[in-house]
PDB file of all heavy atoms in Angstrom:
ATOM      1  N   ALA A   1       8.674 -23.909  12.980  1.00  0.00           N
ATOM      2  CA  ALA A   1       9.221 -22.563  13.167  1.00  0.00           C
ATOM      3  C   ALA A   1       9.671 -22.051  11.798  1.00  0.00           C
ATOM      4  O   ALA A   1      10.527 -22.726  11.190  1.00  0.00           O
ATOM      5  CB  ALA A   1      10.409 -22.582  14.120  1.00  0.00           C
ATOM      6  N   PHE A   2       9.161 -20.994  11.299  1.00  0.00           N
ATOM      7  CA  PHE A   2       9.493 -20.411  10.051  1.00  0.00           C
ATOM      8  C   PHE A   2       9.394 -18.877  10.202  1.00  0.00           C
ATOM      9  O   PHE A   2       8.348 -18.342  10.393  1.00  0.00           O
ATOM     10  CB  PHE A   2       8.593 -20.930   8.913  1.00  0.00           C
ATOM     11  CG  PHE A   2       8.931 -20.328   7.555  1.00  0.00           C
ATOM     12  CD1 PHE A   2      10.115 -20.686   6.944  1.00  0.00           C
ATOM     13  CD2 PHE A   2       8.105 -19.372   7.027  1.00  0.00           C
ATOM     14  CE1 PHE A   2      10.392 -20.215   5.665  1.00  0.00           C
ATOM     15  CE2 PHE A   2       8.398 -18.856   5.748  1.00  0.00           C
ATOM     16  CZ  PHE A   2       9.546 -19.287   5.094  1.00  0.00           C
ATOM     17  N   THR A   3      10.561 -18.218  10.031  1.00  0.00           N
ATOM     18  CA  THR A   3      10.575 -16.765  10.133  1.00  0.00           C
ATOM     19  C   THR A   3      11.269 -16.227   8.865  1.00  0.00           C
ATOM     20  O   THR A   3      12.001 -16.988   8.191  1.00  0.00           O
ATOM     21  CB  THR A   3      11.286 -16.296  11.357  1.00  0.00           C
ATOM     22  OG1 THR A   3      12.705 -16.718  11.282  1.00  0.00           O
ATOM     23  CG2 THR A   3      10.711 -16.829  12.649  1.00  0.00           C
ATOM     24  N   TYR A   4      11.070 -14.985   8.600  1.00  0.00           N
ATOM     25  CA  TYR A   4      11.737 -14.338   7.490  1.00  0.00           C
ATOM     26  C   TYR A   4      11.809 -12.838   7.688  1.00  0.00           C
ATOM     27  O   TYR A   4      11.183 -12.297   8.590  1.00  0.00           O
ATOM     28  CB  TYR A   4      11.078 -14.646   6.136  1.00  0.00           C
ATOM     29  CG  TYR A   4       9.662 -14.168   5.971  1.00  0.00           C
ATOM     30  CD1 TYR A   4       9.389 -12.891   5.528  1.00  0.00           C
ATOM     31  CD2 TYR A   4       8.607 -15.004   6.312  1.00  0.00           C
ATOM     32  CE1 TYR A   4       8.046 -12.413   5.422  1.00  0.00           C
ATOM     33  CE2 TYR A   4       7.289 -14.601   6.143  1.00  0.00           C
ATOM     34  CZ  TYR A   4       7.040 -13.274   5.711  1.00  0.00           C
ATOM     35  OH  TYR A   4       5.757 -12.901   5.574  1.00  0.00           O
ATOM     36  N   HIS A   5      12.623 -12.191   6.944  1.00  0.00           N
ATOM     37  CA  HIS A   5      12.772 -10.725   7.019  1.00  0.00           C
ATOM     38  C   HIS A   5      11.699 -10.125   6.089  1.00  0.00           C
ATOM     39  O   HIS A   5      11.214 -10.838   5.187  1.00  0.00           O
ATOM     40  CB  HIS A   5      14.155 -10.305   6.699  1.00  0.00           C
ATOM     41  CG  HIS A   5      15.150 -11.030   7.659  1.00  0.00           C
ATOM     42  ND1 HIS A   5      15.264 -10.686   8.968  1.00  0.00           N
ATOM     43  CD2 HIS A   5      15.871 -12.102   7.478  1.00  0.00           C
ATOM     44  CE1 HIS A   5      16.194 -11.464   9.526  1.00  0.00           C
ATOM     45  NE2 HIS A   5      16.557 -12.327   8.643  1.00  0.00           N
ATOM     46  N   ASN A   6      11.443  -8.820   6.199  1.00  0.00           N
ATOM     47  CA  ASN A   6      10.299  -8.227   5.527  1.00  0.00           C
ATOM     48  C   ASN A   6      10.732  -7.180   4.483  1.00  0.00           C
ATOM     49  O   ASN A   6      11.756  -6.538   4.628  1.00  0.00           O
ATOM     50  CB  ASN A   6       9.385  -7.626   6.543  1.00  0.00           C
ATOM     51  CG  ASN A   6       8.705  -8.704   7.387  1.00  0.00           C
ATOM     52  OD1 ASN A   6       7.853  -9.329   6.967  1.00  0.00           O
ATOM     53  ND2 ASN A   6       9.211  -8.854   8.600  1.00  0.00           N
ATOM     54  N   SER A   7       9.830  -7.084   3.500  1.00  0.00           N
ATOM     55  CA  SER A   7       9.944  -6.020   2.476  1.00  0.00           C
ATOM     56  C   SER A   7       8.594  -5.314   2.442  1.00  0.00           C
ATOM     57  O   SER A   7       7.503  -5.868   2.708  1.00  0.00           O
ATOM     58  CB  SER A   7      10.190  -6.664   1.125  1.00  0.00           C
ATOM     59  OG  SER A   7      11.435  -7.317   1.062  1.00  0.00           O
ATOM     60  N   PHE A   8       8.663  -4.057   2.110  1.00  0.00           N
ATOM     61  CA  PHE A   8       7.416  -3.244   2.124  1.00  0.00           C
ATOM     62  C   PHE A   8       7.389  -2.381   0.896  1.00  0.00           C
ATOM     63  O   PHE A   8       8.425  -1.785   0.456  1.00  0.00           O
ATOM     64  CB  PHE A   8       7.456  -2.287   3.347  1.00  0.00           C
ATOM     65  CG  PHE A   8       7.665  -2.928   4.603  1.00  0.00           C
ATOM     66  CD1 PHE A   8       8.868  -3.195   5.170  1.00  0.00           C
ATOM     67  CD2 PHE A   8       6.509  -3.328   5.394  1.00  0.00           C
ATOM     68  CE1 PHE A   8       8.993  -3.868   6.385  1.00  0.00           C
ATOM     69  CE2 PHE A   8       6.655  -4.012   6.586  1.00  0.00           C
ATOM     70  CZ  PHE A   8       7.883  -4.248   7.087  1.00  0.00           C
ATOM     71  N   LEU A   9       6.181  -2.215   0.285  1.00  0.00           N
ATOM     72  CA  LEU A   9       5.920  -1.185  -0.705  1.00  0.00           C
ATOM     73  C   LEU A   9       5.164  -0.088   0.073  1.00  0.00           C
ATOM     74  O   LEU A   9       4.100  -0.352   0.638  1.00  0.00           O
ATOM     75  CB  LEU A   9       5.073  -1.683  -1.838  1.00  0.00           C
ATOM     76  CG  LEU A   9       5.717  -2.613  -2.892  1.00  0.00           C
ATOM     77  CD1 LEU A   9       4.654  -3.223  -3.775  1.00  0.00           C
ATOM     78  CD2 LEU A   9       6.683  -1.816  -3.705  1.00  0.00           C
ATOM     79  N   ILE A  10       5.601   1.116   0.044  1.00  0.00           N
ATOM     80  CA  ILE A  10       5.078   2.178   0.817  1.00  0.00           C
ATOM     81  C   ILE A  10       4.794   3.356  -0.129  1.00  0.00           C
ATOM     82  O   ILE A  10       5.725   3.835  -0.831  1.00  0.00           O
ATOM     83  CB  ILE A  10       6.012   2.630   1.939  1.00  0.00           C
ATOM     84  CG1 ILE A  10       6.427   1.467   2.783  1.00  0.00           C
ATOM     85  CG2 ILE A  10       5.339   3.733   2.725  1.00  0.00           C
ATOM     86  CD1 ILE A  10       7.579   1.747   3.692  1.00  0.00           C
ATOM     87  N   ALA A  11       3.512   3.753  -0.244  1.00  0.00           N
ATOM     88  CA  ALA A  11       3.178   4.826  -1.216  1.00  0.00           C
ATOM     89  C   ALA A  11       2.214   5.833  -0.597  1.00  0.00           C
ATOM     90  O   ALA A  11       1.418   5.536   0.187  1.00  0.00           O
ATOM     91  CB  ALA A  11       2.579   4.220  -2.468  1.00  0.00           C
ATOM     92  N   ASP A  12       2.291   7.041  -1.131  1.00  0.00           N
ATOM     93  CA  ASP A  12       1.347   8.115  -0.812  1.00  0.00           C
ATOM     94  C   ASP A  12       0.910   8.676  -2.184  1.00  0.00           C
ATOM     95  O   ASP A  12       1.329   8.186  -3.222  1.00  0.00           O
ATOM     96  CB  ASP A  12       1.825   9.136   0.216  1.00  0.00           C
ATOM     97  CG  ASP A  12       3.066   9.899  -0.323  1.00  0.00           C
ATOM     98  OD1 ASP A  12       3.261  10.111  -1.505  1.00  0.00           O
ATOM     99  OD2 ASP A  12       3.875  10.312   0.589  1.00  0.00           O
ATOM    100  N   ARG A  13       0.280   9.824  -2.197  1.00  0.00           N
ATOM    101  CA  ARG A  13      -0.140  10.407  -3.442  1.00  0.00           C
ATOM    102  C   ARG A  13       1.006  10.934  -4.254  1.00  0.00           C
ATOM    103  O   ARG A  13       0.838  11.057  -5.539  1.00  0.00           O
ATOM    104  CB  ARG A  13      -1.135  11.526  -3.188  1.00  0.00           C
ATOM    105  CG  ARG A  13      -2.443  11.084  -2.631  1.00  0.00           C
ATOM    106  CD  ARG A  13      -3.324  12.411  -2.309  1.00  0.00           C
ATOM    107  NE  ARG A  13      -4.565  12.063  -1.674  1.00  0.00           N
ATOM    108  CZ  ARG A  13      -5.727  11.974  -2.310  1.00  0.00           C
ATOM    109  NH1 ARG A  13      -5.778  12.130  -3.604  1.00  0.00           N
ATOM    110  NH2 ARG A  13      -6.790  11.722  -1.621  1.00  0.00           N
ATOM    111  N   LYS A  14       2.130  11.199  -3.684  1.00  0.00           N
ATOM    112  CA  LYS A  14       3.231  11.850  -4.425  1.00  0.00           C
ATOM    113  C   LYS A  14       4.407  10.983  -4.661  1.00  0.00           C
ATOM    114  O   LYS A  14       5.212  11.204  -5.639  1.00  0.00           O
ATOM    115  CB  LYS A  14       3.624  13.071  -3.671  1.00  0.00           C
ATOM    116  CG  LYS A  14       2.571  14.142  -3.605  1.00  0.00           C
ATOM    117  CD  LYS A  14       3.059  15.400  -2.889  1.00  0.00           C
ATOM    118  CE  LYS A  14       1.908  16.369  -2.858  1.00  0.00           C
ATOM    119  NZ  LYS A  14       2.197  17.544  -2.017  1.00  0.00           N
ATOM    120  N   GLU A  15       4.662   9.973  -3.846  1.00  0.00           N
ATOM    121  CA  GLU A  15       5.853   9.139  -4.024  1.00  0.00           C
ATOM    122  C   GLU A  15       5.684   7.767  -3.471  1.00  0.00           C
ATOM    123  O   GLU A  15       4.719   7.472  -2.725  1.00  0.00           O
ATOM    124  CB  GLU A  15       7.086   9.820  -3.374  1.00  0.00           C
ATOM    125  CG  GLU A  15       6.975   9.957  -1.866  1.00  0.00           C
ATOM    126  CD  GLU A  15       8.151  10.642  -1.259  1.00  0.00           C
ATOM    127  OE1 GLU A  15       8.932  11.341  -2.018  1.00  0.00           O
ATOM    128  OE2 GLU A  15       8.323  10.585  -0.023  1.00  0.00           O
ATOM    129  N   ALA A  16       6.573   6.891  -3.884  1.00  0.00           N
ATOM    130  CA  ALA A  16       6.586   5.480  -3.383  1.00  0.00           C
ATOM    131  C   ALA A  16       8.009   5.065  -3.042  1.00  0.00           C
ATOM    132  O   ALA A  16       8.971   5.543  -3.639  1.00  0.00           O
ATOM    133  CB  ALA A  16       5.976   4.586  -4.447  1.00  0.00           C
ATOM    134  N   TRP A  17       8.071   4.176  -2.037  1.00  0.00           N
ATOM    135  CA  TRP A  17       9.350   3.632  -1.583  1.00  0.00           C
ATOM    136  C   TRP A  17       9.245   2.146  -1.469  1.00  0.00           C
ATOM    137  O   TRP A  17       8.166   1.594  -1.214  1.00  0.00           O
ATOM    138  CB  TRP A  17       9.681   4.197  -0.168  1.00  0.00           C
ATOM    139  CG  TRP A  17      10.060   5.626  -0.167  1.00  0.00           C
ATOM    140  CD1 TRP A  17       9.203   6.683  -0.267  1.00  0.00           C
ATOM    141  CD2 TRP A  17      11.384   6.169  -0.103  1.00  0.00           C
ATOM    142  NE1 TRP A  17       9.944   7.855  -0.231  1.00  0.00           N
ATOM    143  CE2 TRP A  17      11.281   7.519  -0.144  1.00  0.00           C
ATOM    144  CE3 TRP A  17      12.620   5.538  -0.041  1.00  0.00           C
ATOM    145  CZ2 TRP A  17      12.385   8.394  -0.112  1.00  0.00           C
ATOM    146  CZ3 TRP A  17      13.771   6.375   0.061  1.00  0.00           C
ATOM    147  CH2 TRP A  17      13.627   7.781  -0.022  1.00  0.00           C
ATOM    148  N   VAL A  18      10.388   1.481  -1.654  1.00  0.00           N
ATOM    149  CA  VAL A  18      10.529   0.061  -1.377  1.00  0.00           C
ATOM    150  C   VAL A  18      11.522   0.033  -0.138  1.00  0.00           C
ATOM    151  O   VAL A  18      12.584   0.647  -0.207  1.00  0.00           O
ATOM    152  CB  VAL A  18      11.148  -0.757  -2.544  1.00  0.00           C
ATOM    153  CG1 VAL A  18      11.398  -2.181  -2.101  1.00  0.00           C
ATOM    154  CG2 VAL A  18      10.166  -0.720  -3.694  1.00  0.00           C
ATOM    155  N   LEU A  19      11.096  -0.648   0.918  1.00  0.00           N
ATOM    156  CA  LEU A  19      11.953  -0.853   2.071  1.00  0.00           C
ATOM    157  C   LEU A  19      12.191  -2.324   2.257  1.00  0.00           C
ATOM    158  O   LEU A  19      11.195  -3.089   2.284  1.00  0.00           O
ATOM    159  CB  LEU A  19      11.262  -0.243   3.281  1.00  0.00           C
ATOM    160  CG  LEU A  19      11.939  -0.547   4.666  1.00  0.00           C
ATOM    161  CD1 LEU A  19      13.304   0.012   4.734  1.00  0.00           C
ATOM    162  CD2 LEU A  19      11.068  -0.084   5.780  1.00  0.00           C
ATOM    163  N   GLU A  20      13.440  -2.749   2.279  1.00  0.00           N
ATOM    164  CA  GLU A  20      13.746  -4.201   2.504  1.00  0.00           C
ATOM    165  C   GLU A  20      14.681  -4.322   3.684  1.00  0.00           C
ATOM    166  O   GLU A  20      15.540  -3.436   3.927  1.00  0.00           O
ATOM    167  CB  GLU A  20      14.361  -4.790   1.226  1.00  0.00           C
ATOM    168  CG  GLU A  20      13.347  -4.748   0.121  1.00  0.00           C
ATOM    169  CD  GLU A  20      13.854  -5.431  -1.152  1.00  0.00           C
ATOM    170  OE1 GLU A  20      14.999  -5.492  -1.389  1.00  0.00           O
ATOM    171  OE2 GLU A  20      12.963  -5.906  -1.891  1.00  0.00           O
ATOM    172  N   THR A  21      14.459  -5.425   4.476  1.00  0.00           N
ATOM    173  CA  THR A  21      15.203  -5.582   5.674  1.00  0.00           C
ATOM    174  C   THR A  21      15.935  -6.900   5.786  1.00  0.00           C
ATOM    175  O   THR A  21      15.560  -7.896   5.105  1.00  0.00           O
ATOM    176  CB  THR A  21      14.249  -5.570   6.905  1.00  0.00           C
ATOM    177  OG1 THR A  21      13.349  -6.643   6.875  1.00  0.00           O
ATOM    178  CG2 THR A  21      13.413  -4.231   6.855  1.00  0.00           C
ATOM    179  N   SER A  22      16.954  -6.896   6.531  1.00  0.00           N
ATOM    180  CA  SER A  22      17.720  -8.151   6.889  1.00  0.00           C
ATOM    181  C   SER A  22      18.175  -8.015   8.310  1.00  0.00           C
ATOM    182  O   SER A  22      19.137  -7.254   8.558  1.00  0.00           O
ATOM    183  CB  SER A  22      18.903  -8.338   5.915  1.00  0.00           C
ATOM    184  OG  SER A  22      19.652  -9.492   6.221  1.00  0.00           O
ATOM    185  N   GLY A  23      17.492  -8.680   9.209  1.00  0.00           N
ATOM    186  CA  GLY A  23      17.710  -8.430  10.651  1.00  0.00           C
ATOM    187  C   GLY A  23      17.417  -6.952  10.993  1.00  0.00           C
ATOM    188  O   GLY A  23      16.405  -6.415  10.600  1.00  0.00           O
ATOM    189  N   LYS A  24      18.358  -6.295  11.600  1.00  0.00           N
ATOM    190  CA  LYS A  24      18.122  -4.882  11.899  1.00  0.00           C
ATOM    191  C   LYS A  24      18.610  -3.950  10.772  1.00  0.00           C
ATOM    192  O   LYS A  24      18.367  -2.757  10.768  1.00  0.00           O
ATOM    193  CB  LYS A  24      18.797  -4.446  13.227  1.00  0.00           C
ATOM    194  CG  LYS A  24      20.318  -4.378  13.136  1.00  0.00           C
ATOM    195  CD  LYS A  24      20.911  -3.801  14.445  1.00  0.00           C
ATOM    196  CE  LYS A  24      22.363  -3.462  14.308  1.00  0.00           C
ATOM    197  NZ  LYS A  24      22.885  -2.808  15.538  1.00  0.00           N
ATOM    198  N   TYR A  25      19.257  -4.584   9.767  1.00  0.00           N
ATOM    199  CA  TYR A  25      19.796  -3.744   8.613  1.00  0.00           C
ATOM    200  C   TYR A  25      18.734  -3.589   7.589  1.00  0.00           C
ATOM    201  O   TYR A  25      17.919  -4.487   7.381  1.00  0.00           O
ATOM    202  CB  TYR A  25      21.068  -4.428   8.133  1.00  0.00           C
ATOM    203  CG  TYR A  25      22.134  -4.520   9.197  1.00  0.00           C
ATOM    204  CD1 TYR A  25      22.331  -5.699   9.939  1.00  0.00           C
ATOM    205  CD2 TYR A  25      22.874  -3.382   9.565  1.00  0.00           C
ATOM    206  CE1 TYR A  25      23.175  -5.779  10.985  1.00  0.00           C
ATOM    207  CE2 TYR A  25      23.799  -3.414  10.585  1.00  0.00           C
ATOM    208  CZ  TYR A  25      23.934  -4.631  11.317  1.00  0.00           C
ATOM    209  OH  TYR A  25      24.778  -4.658  12.367  1.00  0.00           O
ATOM    210  N   TRP A  26      18.803  -2.500   6.842  1.00  0.00           N
ATOM    211  CA  TRP A  26      17.827  -2.218   5.868  1.00  0.00           C
ATOM    212  C   TRP A  26      18.330  -1.323   4.773  1.00  0.00           C
ATOM    213  O   TRP A  26      19.339  -0.665   4.920  1.00  0.00           O
ATOM    214  CB  TRP A  26      16.569  -1.571   6.555  1.00  0.00           C
ATOM    215  CG  TRP A  26      16.916  -0.296   7.358  1.00  0.00           C
ATOM    216  CD1 TRP A  26      17.335  -0.322   8.634  1.00  0.00           C
ATOM    217  CD2 TRP A  26      16.945   1.042   6.830  1.00  0.00           C
ATOM    218  NE1 TRP A  26      17.576   1.040   8.975  1.00  0.00           N
ATOM    219  CE2 TRP A  26      17.390   1.797   7.944  1.00  0.00           C
ATOM    220  CE3 TRP A  26      16.702   1.595   5.620  1.00  0.00           C
ATOM    221  CZ2 TRP A  26      17.466   3.248   7.815  1.00  0.00           C
ATOM    222  CZ3 TRP A  26      16.831   3.006   5.470  1.00  0.00           C
ATOM    223  CH2 TRP A  26      17.218   3.783   6.574  1.00  0.00           C
ATOM    224  N   ALA A  27      17.634  -1.297   3.654  1.00  0.00           N
ATOM    225  CA  ALA A  27      17.881  -0.382   2.517  1.00  0.00           C
ATOM    226  C   ALA A  27      16.552   0.048   1.968  1.00  0.00           C
ATOM    227  O   ALA A  27      15.580  -0.761   1.984  1.00  0.00           O
ATOM    228  CB  ALA A  27      18.713  -1.065   1.388  1.00  0.00           C
ATOM    229  N   ALA A  28      16.527   1.261   1.563  1.00  0.00           N
ATOM    230  CA  ALA A  28      15.274   1.830   0.962  1.00  0.00           C
ATOM    231  C   ALA A  28      15.574   2.433  -0.387  1.00  0.00           C
ATOM    232  O   ALA A  28      16.542   3.113  -0.600  1.00  0.00           O
ATOM    233  CB  ALA A  28      14.623   2.858   1.942  1.00  0.00           C
ATOM    234  N   GLU A  29      14.637   2.299  -1.327  1.00  0.00           N
ATOM    235  CA  GLU A  29      14.796   2.770  -2.667  1.00  0.00           C
ATOM    236  C   GLU A  29      13.503   3.581  -2.988  1.00  0.00           C
ATOM    237  O   GLU A  29      12.390   3.143  -2.789  1.00  0.00           O
ATOM    238  CB  GLU A  29      14.870   1.600  -3.660  1.00  0.00           C
ATOM    239  CG  GLU A  29      14.804   2.021  -5.111  1.00  0.00           C
ATOM    240  CD  GLU A  29      14.636   0.852  -6.025  1.00  0.00           C
ATOM    241  OE1 GLU A  29      14.917  -0.298  -5.670  1.00  0.00           O
ATOM    242  OE2 GLU A  29      14.098   1.088  -7.181  1.00  0.00           O
ATOM    243  N   LYS A  30      13.779   4.843  -3.413  1.00  0.00           N
ATOM    244  CA  LYS A  30      12.637   5.695  -3.900  1.00  0.00           C
ATOM    245  C   LYS A  30      12.294   5.272  -5.237  1.00  0.00           C
ATOM    246  O   LYS A  30      13.202   5.224  -6.122  1.00  0.00           O
ATOM    247  CB  LYS A  30      12.996   7.203  -3.764  1.00  0.00           C
ATOM    248  CG  LYS A  30      11.808   8.124  -4.111  1.00  0.00           C
ATOM    249  CD  LYS A  30      12.306   9.512  -3.889  1.00  0.00           C
ATOM    250  CE  LYS A  30      11.091  10.404  -4.213  1.00  0.00           C
ATOM    251  NZ  LYS A  30      11.472  11.861  -4.024  1.00  0.00           N
ATOM    252  N   VAL A  31      11.020   4.959  -5.482  1.00  0.00           N
ATOM    253  CA  VAL A  31      10.579   4.597  -6.838  1.00  0.00           C
ATOM    254  C   VAL A  31      10.481   5.865  -7.655  1.00  0.00           C
ATOM    255  O   VAL A  31       9.731   6.752  -7.360  1.00  0.00           O
ATOM    256  CB  VAL A  31       9.254   3.816  -6.808  1.00  0.00           C
ATOM    257  CG1 VAL A  31       8.777   3.424  -8.168  1.00  0.00           C
ATOM    258  CG2 VAL A  31       9.392   2.597  -5.905  1.00  0.00           C
ATOM    259  N   GLU A  32      11.243   5.907  -8.771  1.00  0.00           N
ATOM    260  CA  GLU A  32      11.341   7.078  -9.561  1.00  0.00           C
ATOM    261  C   GLU A  32      10.419   7.074 -10.801  1.00  0.00           C
ATOM    262  O   GLU A  32      10.282   8.100 -11.506  1.00  0.00           O
ATOM    263  CB  GLU A  32      12.793   7.331 -10.065  1.00  0.00           C
ATOM    264  CG  GLU A  32      13.771   7.507  -8.879  1.00  0.00           C
ATOM    265  CD  GLU A  32      13.619   8.792  -8.143  1.00  0.00           C
ATOM    266  OE1 GLU A  32      12.922   9.691  -8.536  1.00  0.00           O
ATOM    267  OE2 GLU A  32      14.220   8.814  -7.037  1.00  0.00           O
ATOM    268  N   GLY A  33       9.845   5.891 -11.172  1.00  0.00           N
ATOM    269  CA  GLY A  33       8.977   5.812 -12.267  1.00  0.00           C
ATOM    270  C   GLY A  33       8.875   4.376 -12.747  1.00  0.00           C
ATOM    271  O   GLY A  33       9.507   3.454 -12.188  1.00  0.00           O
ATOM    272  N   GLY A  34       8.048   4.177 -13.722  1.00  0.00           N
ATOM    273  CA  GLY A  34       7.923   2.756 -14.239  1.00  0.00           C
ATOM    274  C   GLY A  34       7.075   1.907 -13.298  1.00  0.00           C
ATOM    275  O   GLY A  34       6.217   2.415 -12.637  1.00  0.00           O
ATOM    276  N   VAL A  35       7.438   0.682 -13.211  1.00  0.00           N
ATOM    277  CA  VAL A  35       6.725  -0.284 -12.328  1.00  0.00           C
ATOM    278  C   VAL A  35       7.798  -0.855 -11.332  1.00  0.00           C
ATOM    279  O   VAL A  35       8.936  -0.972 -11.646  1.00  0.00           O
ATOM    280  CB  VAL A  35       6.040  -1.377 -13.173  1.00  0.00           C
ATOM    281  CG1 VAL A  35       4.969  -0.845 -13.979  1.00  0.00           C
ATOM    282  CG2 VAL A  35       7.058  -2.236 -13.945  1.00  0.00           C
ATOM    283  N   ARG A  36       7.310  -1.250 -10.229  1.00  0.00           N
ATOM    284  CA  ARG A  36       8.133  -1.845  -9.165  1.00  0.00           C
ATOM    285  C   ARG A  36       7.364  -2.824  -8.390  1.00  0.00           C
ATOM    286  O   ARG A  36       6.164  -2.632  -8.036  1.00  0.00           O
ATOM    287  CB  ARG A  36       8.686  -0.711  -8.243  1.00  0.00           C
ATOM    288  CG  ARG A  36       9.741  -1.115  -7.293  1.00  0.00           C
ATOM    289  CD  ARG A  36      11.057  -1.543  -8.029  1.00  0.00           C
ATOM    290  NE  ARG A  36      12.102  -1.682  -7.048  1.00  0.00           N
ATOM    291  CZ  ARG A  36      12.312  -2.734  -6.286  1.00  0.00           C
ATOM    292  NH1 ARG A  36      11.552  -3.760  -6.361  1.00  0.00           N
ATOM    293  NH2 ARG A  36      13.326  -2.767  -5.429  1.00  0.00           N
ATOM    294  N   ASN A  37       7.978  -3.970  -8.048  1.00  0.00           N
ATOM    295  CA  ASN A  37       7.314  -4.971  -7.252  1.00  0.00           C
ATOM    296  C   ASN A  37       8.285  -5.565  -6.216  1.00  0.00           C
ATOM    297  O   ASN A  37       9.480  -5.363  -6.329  1.00  0.00           O
ATOM    298  CB  ASN A  37       6.727  -6.070  -8.118  1.00  0.00           C
ATOM    299  CG  ASN A  37       7.776  -6.870  -8.881  1.00  0.00           C
ATOM    300  OD1 ASN A  37       8.675  -6.358  -9.445  1.00  0.00           O
ATOM    301  ND2 ASN A  37       7.639  -8.216  -8.856  1.00  0.00           N
ATOM    302  N   ILE A  38       7.700  -6.261  -5.262  1.00  0.00           N
ATOM    303  CA  ILE A  38       8.520  -6.982  -4.289  1.00  0.00           C
ATOM    304  C   ILE A  38       7.934  -8.386  -4.191  1.00  0.00           C
ATOM    305  O   ILE A  38       6.784  -8.645  -4.641  1.00  0.00           O
ATOM    306  CB  ILE A  38       8.510  -6.332  -2.900  1.00  0.00           C
ATOM    307  CG1 ILE A  38       7.101  -6.197  -2.294  1.00  0.00           C
ATOM    308  CG2 ILE A  38       9.197  -4.987  -2.921  1.00  0.00           C
ATOM    309  CD1 ILE A  38       6.998  -5.690  -0.840  1.00  0.00           C
ATOM    310  N   SER A  39       8.730  -9.297  -3.651  1.00  0.00           N
ATOM    311  CA  SER A  39       8.214 -10.659  -3.436  1.00  0.00           C
ATOM    312  C   SER A  39       8.916 -11.268  -2.321  1.00  0.00           C
ATOM    313  O   SER A  39       9.390 -10.545  -1.394  1.00  0.00           O
ATOM    314  CB  SER A  39       8.276 -11.471  -4.753  1.00  0.00           C
ATOM    315  OG  SER A  39       7.559 -12.736  -4.564  1.00  0.00           O
ATOM    316  N   ASN A  40       9.250 -12.538  -2.444  1.00  0.00           N
ATOM    317  CA  ASN A  40       9.883 -13.190  -1.381  1.00  0.00           C
ATOM    318  C   ASN A  40      11.369 -13.308  -1.470  1.00  0.00           C
ATOM    319  O   ASN A  40      11.980 -14.366  -1.271  1.00  0.00           O
ATOM    320  CB  ASN A  40       9.298 -14.663  -1.236  1.00  0.00           C
ATOM    321  CG  ASN A  40       9.242 -15.340  -2.592  1.00  0.00           C
ATOM    322  OD1 ASN A  40       9.401 -14.763  -3.640  1.00  0.00           O
ATOM    323  ND2 ASN A  40       9.052 -16.666  -2.551  1.00  0.00           N
ATOM    324  N   GLN A  41      11.993 -12.225  -1.851  1.00  0.00           N
ATOM    325  CA  GLN A  41      13.444 -12.089  -1.917  1.00  0.00           C
ATOM    326  C   GLN A  41      13.778 -10.661  -1.970  1.00  0.00           C
ATOM    327  O   GLN A  41      12.918  -9.787  -2.168  1.00  0.00           O
ATOM    328  CB  GLN A  41      13.947 -12.740  -3.277  1.00  0.00           C
ATOM    329  CG  GLN A  41      13.469 -11.976  -4.529  1.00  0.00           C
ATOM    330  CD  GLN A  41      13.797 -12.698  -5.793  1.00  0.00           C
ATOM    331  OE1 GLN A  41      13.557 -13.835  -5.944  1.00  0.00           O
ATOM    332  NE2 GLN A  41      14.396 -11.979  -6.759  1.00  0.00           N
ATOM    333  N   LEU A  42      15.003 -10.301  -1.599  1.00  0.00           N
ATOM    334  CA  LEU A  42      15.430  -8.954  -1.662  1.00  0.00           C
ATOM    335  C   LEU A  42      15.570  -8.508  -3.076  1.00  0.00           C
ATOM    336  O   LEU A  42      16.016  -9.269  -3.941  1.00  0.00           O
ATOM    337  CB  LEU A  42      16.795  -8.799  -0.909  1.00  0.00           C
ATOM    338  CG  LEU A  42      16.809  -9.112   0.556  1.00  0.00           C
ATOM    339  CD1 LEU A  42      18.218  -8.982   1.151  1.00  0.00           C
ATOM    340  CD2 LEU A  42      15.829  -8.214   1.332  1.00  0.00           C
ATOM    341  N   SER A  43      15.171  -7.289  -3.353  1.00  0.00           N
ATOM    342  CA  SER A  43      15.209  -6.811  -4.748  1.00  0.00           C
ATOM    343  C   SER A  43      15.942  -5.482  -4.960  1.00  0.00           C
ATOM    344  O   SER A  43      16.107  -5.000  -6.094  1.00  0.00           O
ATOM    345  CB  SER A  43      13.807  -6.732  -5.345  1.00  0.00           C
ATOM    346  OG  SER A  43      13.075  -5.745  -4.571  1.00  0.00           O
TER     347      SER A  43
END
C-alpha cells in the first residue's frame, strides 16, 4: 500500500498554474514567468 497526494502543472496558450494538494486541502500558484517545475514534494 503506497499512496500520496498530487501536484499538477496546468497550462494553456496564455497561462500556467501549479496546483498542489494535501488531502482535501490545496494551494495554487499562477506561473508569472521564468521556469517552474514540480516533483515528488510540495513546492
